[in-house]
C-alpha atoms as a PDB file:
ATOM      1  CA  MET A   1     -19.802   4.900   4.573  1.00  0.00           C
ATOM      2  CA  ASP A   2     -19.674   1.148   4.545  1.00  0.00           C
ATOM      3  CA  GLU A   3     -22.716   1.223   2.280  1.00  0.00           C
ATOM      4  CA  ILE A   4     -21.297   3.811   0.042  1.00  0.00           C
ATOM      5  CA  VAL A   5     -18.311   1.917  -0.418  1.00  0.00           C
ATOM      6  CA  LYS A   6     -19.868  -1.675  -1.254  1.00  0.00           C
ATOM      7  CA  ALA A   7     -22.216   0.558  -3.865  1.00  0.00           C
ATOM      8  CA  LEU A   8     -19.337   1.887  -5.525  1.00  0.00           C
ATOM      9  CA  PHE A   9     -17.269  -1.533  -5.570  1.00  0.00           C
ATOM     10  CA  GLY A  10     -19.990  -3.763  -6.081  1.00  0.00           C
ATOM     11  CA  LEU A  11     -19.480  -5.723  -3.054  1.00  0.00           C
ATOM     12  CA  SER A  12     -22.295  -7.721  -1.530  1.00  0.00           C
ATOM     13  CA  SER A  13     -21.072  -9.225   1.289  1.00  0.00           C
ATOM     14  CA  GLY A  14     -18.460  -6.570   1.757  1.00  0.00           C
ATOM     15  CA  LEU A  15     -15.667  -9.058   0.391  1.00  0.00           C
ATOM     16  CA  PRO A  16     -14.247  -9.060  -3.020  1.00  0.00           C
ATOM     17  CA  ARG A  17     -14.338 -12.084  -5.186  1.00  0.00           C
ATOM     18  CA  THR A  18     -11.071 -13.617  -6.114  1.00  0.00           C
ATOM     19  CA  SER A  19      -9.762 -16.847  -7.231  1.00  0.00           C
ATOM     20  CA  ALA A  20      -7.515 -19.007  -5.212  1.00  0.00           C
ATOM     21  CA  VAL A  21      -4.321 -18.167  -7.172  1.00  0.00           C
ATOM     22  CA  CYS A  22      -4.205 -14.620  -6.405  1.00  0.00           C
ATOM     23  CA  LYS A  23      -5.325 -14.445  -3.090  1.00  0.00           C
ATOM     24  CA  ALA A  24      -1.638 -13.732  -1.561  1.00  0.00           C
ATOM     25  CA  TRP A  25      -1.605 -10.527  -3.860  1.00  0.00           C
ATOM     26  CA  PRO A  26      -3.323  -7.364  -2.999  1.00  0.00           C
ATOM     27  CA  SER A  27      -6.157  -6.561  -5.566  1.00  0.00           C
ATOM     28  CA  VAL A  28      -6.975  -2.837  -6.367  1.00  0.00           C
ATOM     29  CA  SER A  29     -10.485  -1.626  -7.371  1.00  0.00           C
ATOM     30  CA  VAL A  30     -11.023   1.870  -7.946  1.00  0.00           C
ATOM     31  CA  GLY A  31     -14.703   3.574  -7.540  1.00  0.00           C
ATOM     32  CA  GLN A  32     -14.556   5.673 -10.650  1.00  0.00           C
ATOM     33  CA  PRO A  33     -11.784   5.004 -13.450  1.00  0.00           C
ATOM     34  CA  TYR A  34     -12.644   8.295 -15.125  1.00  0.00           C
ATOM     35  CA  ILE A  35     -13.529  11.434 -12.940  1.00  0.00           C
ATOM     36  CA  ARG A  36     -14.999  14.806 -15.031  1.00  0.00           C
ATOM     37  CA  ALA A  37     -15.325  17.742 -12.566  1.00  0.00           C
ATOM     38  CA  ARG A  38     -15.654  21.580 -12.793  1.00  0.00           C
ATOM     39  CA  VAL A  39     -13.296  24.171 -11.525  1.00  0.00           C
ATOM     40  CA  ASN A  40     -13.505  24.513  -7.812  1.00  0.00           C
ATOM     41  CA  ASP A  41     -15.018  21.211  -7.079  1.00  0.00           C
ATOM     42  CA  THR A  42     -13.588  18.879  -4.672  1.00  0.00           C
ATOM     43  CA  LEU A  43     -12.578  15.522  -6.379  1.00  0.00           C
ATOM     44  CA  TRP A  44     -12.716  12.058  -4.016  1.00  0.00           C
ATOM     45  CA  LEU A  45     -10.176   9.353  -6.059  1.00  0.00           C
ATOM     46  CA  THR A  46     -11.054   6.321  -4.039  1.00  0.00           C
ATOM     47  CA  ALA A  47      -9.691   2.784  -4.363  1.00  0.00           C
ATOM     48  CA  TYR A  48     -10.579  -0.511  -2.456  1.00  0.00           C
ATOM     49  CA  ILE A  49      -7.561  -2.627  -1.456  1.00  0.00           C
ATOM     50  CA  PRO A  50      -7.827  -5.334   0.603  1.00  0.00           C
ATOM     51  CA  ARG A  51      -4.815  -7.381   2.263  1.00  0.00           C
ATOM     52  CA  VAL A  52      -2.381  -4.805   2.217  1.00  0.00           C
ATOM     53  CA  ASP A  53       0.139  -5.575   5.173  1.00  0.00           C
ATOM     54  CA  SER A  54       3.209  -4.041   6.819  1.00  0.00           C
ATOM     55  CA  SER A  55       5.333  -5.130   4.078  1.00  0.00           C
ATOM     56  CA  HIS A  56       3.360  -3.140   1.616  1.00  0.00           C
ATOM     57  CA  GLN A  57       2.294   0.403   0.915  1.00  0.00           C
ATOM     58  CA  VAL A  58      -0.262   2.359  -0.816  1.00  0.00           C
ATOM     59  CA  ALA A  59       1.142   5.083  -2.890  1.00  0.00           C
ATOM     60  CA  TRP A  60      -0.305   8.028  -4.998  1.00  0.00           C
ATOM     61  CA  TYR A  61       1.273   9.727  -7.984  1.00  0.00           C
ATOM     62  CA  ALA A  62      -0.189  12.076 -10.628  1.00  0.00           C
ATOM     63  CA  ILE A  63       1.110  12.428 -14.380  1.00  0.00           C
ATOM     64  CA  TYR A  64      -0.585  15.968 -15.210  1.00  0.00           C
ATOM     65  CA  GLU A  65      -1.590  16.709 -18.397  1.00  0.00           C
ATOM     66  CA  LYS A  66       0.433  20.282 -18.827  1.00  0.00           C
ATOM     67  CA  GLU A  67       3.615  18.123 -18.219  1.00  0.00           C
ATOM     68  CA  LYS A  68       3.320  15.155 -20.705  1.00  0.00           C
ATOM     69  CA  ARG A  69       5.669  15.016 -23.484  1.00  0.00           C
ATOM     70  CA  ARG A  70       4.905  13.049 -26.432  1.00  0.00           C
ATOM     71  CA  GLY A  71       7.696  10.542 -27.285  1.00  0.00           C
ATOM     72  CA  GLU A  72       9.378  11.233 -24.122  1.00  0.00           C
ATOM     73  CA  CYS A  73       9.531   9.839 -20.369  1.00  0.00           C
ATOM     74  CA  ASN A  74       6.698  11.983 -18.460  1.00  0.00           C
ATOM     75  CA  ASN A  75       7.370  13.577 -15.035  1.00  0.00           C
ATOM     76  CA  GLU A  76       5.847  11.342 -12.462  1.00  0.00           C
ATOM     77  CA  VAL A  77       5.047  13.544  -9.385  1.00  0.00           C
ATOM     78  CA  PHE A  78       4.818  11.462  -5.822  1.00  0.00           C
ATOM     79  CA  LEU A  79       1.642  12.772  -4.065  1.00  0.00           C
ATOM     80  CA  GLY A  80       2.032  10.622  -0.831  1.00  0.00           C
ATOM     81  CA  VAL A  81       1.706   7.439   1.086  1.00  0.00           C
ATOM     82  CA  ASP A  82      -1.013   5.526   2.540  1.00  0.00           C
ATOM     83  CA  SER A  83      -2.525   8.428   4.596  1.00  0.00           C
ATOM     84  CA  ILE A  84       0.692  10.817   4.987  1.00  0.00           C
ATOM     85  CA  PHE A  85       0.916  13.087   1.673  1.00  0.00           C
ATOM     86  CA  ASP A  86       4.119  14.991   0.458  1.00  0.00           C
ATOM     87  CA  GLN A  87       4.015  18.492   2.142  1.00  0.00           C
ATOM     88  CA  THR A  88       7.114  19.908   0.478  1.00  0.00           C
ATOM     89  CA  LYS A  89       5.358  21.047  -2.551  1.00  0.00           C
ATOM     90  CA  PRO A  90       3.125  23.659  -2.703  1.00  0.00           C
ATOM     91  CA  SER A  91       0.729  22.376  -4.988  1.00  0.00           C
ATOM     92  CA  ASN A  92      -0.100  19.357  -2.875  1.00  0.00           C
ATOM     93  CA  GLN A  93      -1.445  21.543   0.101  1.00  0.00           C
ATOM     94  CA  ARG A  94      -4.996  21.184  -1.255  1.00  0.00           C
ATOM     95  CA  LEU A  95      -4.609  17.435  -0.946  1.00  0.00           C
ATOM     96  CA  SER A  96      -5.427  15.020   1.919  1.00  0.00           C
ATOM     97  CA  LEU A  97      -5.086  11.351   1.835  1.00  0.00           C
ATOM     98  CA  TYR A  98      -7.501   8.655   3.940  1.00  0.00           C
ATOM     99  CA  LYS A  99      -6.914   5.591   4.721  1.00  0.00           C
ATOM    100  CA  ARG A 100     -10.301   3.536   6.182  1.00  0.00           C
ATOM    101  CA  LYS A 101      -9.762  -0.025   6.629  1.00  0.00           C
ATOM    102  CA  ASP A 102      -9.351  -1.135   3.445  1.00  0.00           C
ATOM    103  CA  VAL A 103     -10.285   2.063   1.484  1.00  0.00           C
ATOM    104  CA  TYR A 104      -8.021   4.805   0.827  1.00  0.00           C
ATOM    105  CA  SER A 105      -8.919   7.820  -0.675  1.00  0.00           C
ATOM    106  CA  LEU A 106      -7.488  10.802  -2.242  1.00  0.00           C
ATOM    107  CA  GLN A 107      -9.245  14.473  -1.615  1.00  0.00           C
ATOM    108  CA  LEU A 108      -8.479  17.375  -3.940  1.00  0.00           C
ATOM    109  CA  ARG A 109      -9.876  20.521  -2.887  1.00  0.00           C
ATOM    110  CA  LYS A 110     -10.491  23.324  -5.240  1.00  0.00           C
ATOM    111  CA  ALA A 111      -9.797  21.387  -8.531  1.00  0.00           C
ATOM    112  CA  GLN A 112      -8.093  23.754 -11.035  1.00  0.00           C
ATOM    113  CA  ARG A 113      -7.495  22.997 -14.990  1.00  0.00           C
ATOM    114  CA  SER A 114      -3.736  22.076 -14.139  1.00  0.00           C
ATOM    115  CA  ASP A 115      -5.121  19.046 -12.142  1.00  0.00           C
ATOM    116  CA  THR A 116      -5.971  17.185 -15.128  1.00  0.00           C
ATOM    117  CA  GLY A 117      -3.928  14.218 -15.789  1.00  0.00           C
ATOM    118  CA  ASP A 118      -3.801  10.461 -14.940  1.00  0.00           C
ATOM    119  CA  PHE A 119      -3.699   9.929 -11.169  1.00  0.00           C
ATOM    120  CA  TYR A 120      -2.163   6.400 -10.024  1.00  0.00           C
ATOM    121  CA  VAL A 121      -2.744   4.182  -6.862  1.00  0.00           C
ATOM    122  CA  THR A 122      -0.108   1.722  -6.472  1.00  0.00           C
ATOM    123  CA  VAL A 123       0.689  -1.043  -4.311  1.00  0.00           C
ATOM    124  CA  GLU A 124       4.663  -1.325  -3.869  1.00  0.00           C
ATOM    125  CA  PRO A 125       7.197  -2.741  -1.311  1.00  0.00           C
ATOM    126  CA  ASN A 126       7.465  -0.892   2.145  1.00  0.00           C
ATOM    127  CA  TYR A 127      10.705   0.452   1.748  1.00  0.00           C
ATOM    128  CA  ALA A 128      11.186   1.140   5.413  1.00  0.00           C
ATOM    129  CA  VAL A 129      10.623  -2.418   6.300  1.00  0.00           C
ATOM    130  CA  SER A 130      14.007  -3.538   4.126  1.00  0.00           C
ATOM    131  CA  LYS A 131      17.099  -3.072   6.027  1.00  0.00           C
ATOM    132  CA  VAL A 132      19.227  -2.709   2.772  1.00  0.00           C
ATOM    133  CA  ASP A 133      17.090   0.315   1.687  1.00  0.00           C
ATOM    134  CA  PHE A 134      16.639   1.787   5.218  1.00  0.00           C
ATOM    135  CA  GLU A 135      20.415   2.005   5.261  1.00  0.00           C
ATOM    136  CA  LYS A 136      20.309   4.520   2.021  1.00  0.00           C
ATOM    137  CA  GLU A 137      20.523   8.290   2.457  1.00  0.00           C
ATOM    138  CA  ASP A 138      17.578   8.850   0.017  1.00  0.00           C
ATOM    139  CA  GLN A 139      14.740   5.947  -0.203  1.00  0.00           C
ATOM    140  CA  ARG A 140      13.528   7.778  -3.376  1.00  0.00           C
ATOM    141  CA  LEU A 141      16.570   6.748  -5.578  1.00  0.00           C
ATOM    142  CA  VAL A 142      15.905   2.964  -4.917  1.00  0.00           C
ATOM    143  CA  ASP A 143      14.583   1.324  -8.140  1.00  0.00           C
ATOM    144  CA  LYS A 144      10.852   0.657  -7.067  1.00  0.00           C
ATOM    145  CA  TYR A 145       9.371  -2.366  -8.108  1.00  0.00           C
ATOM    146  CA  VAL A 146       5.678  -1.825  -8.120  1.00  0.00           C
ATOM    147  CA  TYR A 147       3.368  -4.895  -7.777  1.00  0.00           C
ATOM    148  CA  LEU A 148      -0.037  -2.873  -9.054  1.00  0.00           C
ATOM    149  CA  LYS A 149      -0.593   0.216 -10.687  1.00  0.00           C
ATOM    150  CA  THR A 150      -4.246   1.393 -11.298  1.00  0.00           C
ATOM    151  CA  LEU A 151      -5.440   4.391 -13.305  1.00  0.00           C
ATOM    152  CA  ILE A 152      -7.570   7.311 -12.385  1.00  0.00           C
ATOM    153  CA  ARG A 153      -7.996   9.574 -14.958  1.00  0.00           C
ATOM    154  CA  VAL A 154      -9.123  13.378 -13.865  1.00  0.00           C
ATOM    155  CA  GLU A 155     -10.465  15.916 -16.432  1.00  0.00           C
ATOM    156  CA  VAL A 156     -11.454  19.551 -14.996  1.00  0.00           C
ATOM    157  CA  TYR A 157     -13.111  21.681 -16.987  1.00  0.00           C
END
């Protein structure tokens, strides 16, 4: 698995090359920014994100093509955080989230044409750590400041 990750992200020593200025910020590298697959294929969306500590979380979102509206705000669907996915939506039952060291993966089983769209992997503050946000009833209503947001475009034909 480590050899596959190194090959996907072009890492020779296993460590990303970053400048001294941005070492404090987690950086996101995706294995494939564009994925094209057939119906009923299993898709793996993979991101390499080093230096994520307990004050940050890696979240997955999707904007499906069928729900995109020209000139309007798009409905961003929350999929999950780290290796915990949102099980409240029936459409998410085909999803699995994995975390191994610094590699975060989303597995989509039996892809359908309706899965075509933009998938985002984000690094954002961990709201459970913050006492102010922890006291609120619904943490999803908190304005979330996102540090990094990286797109993976998926097309199912």
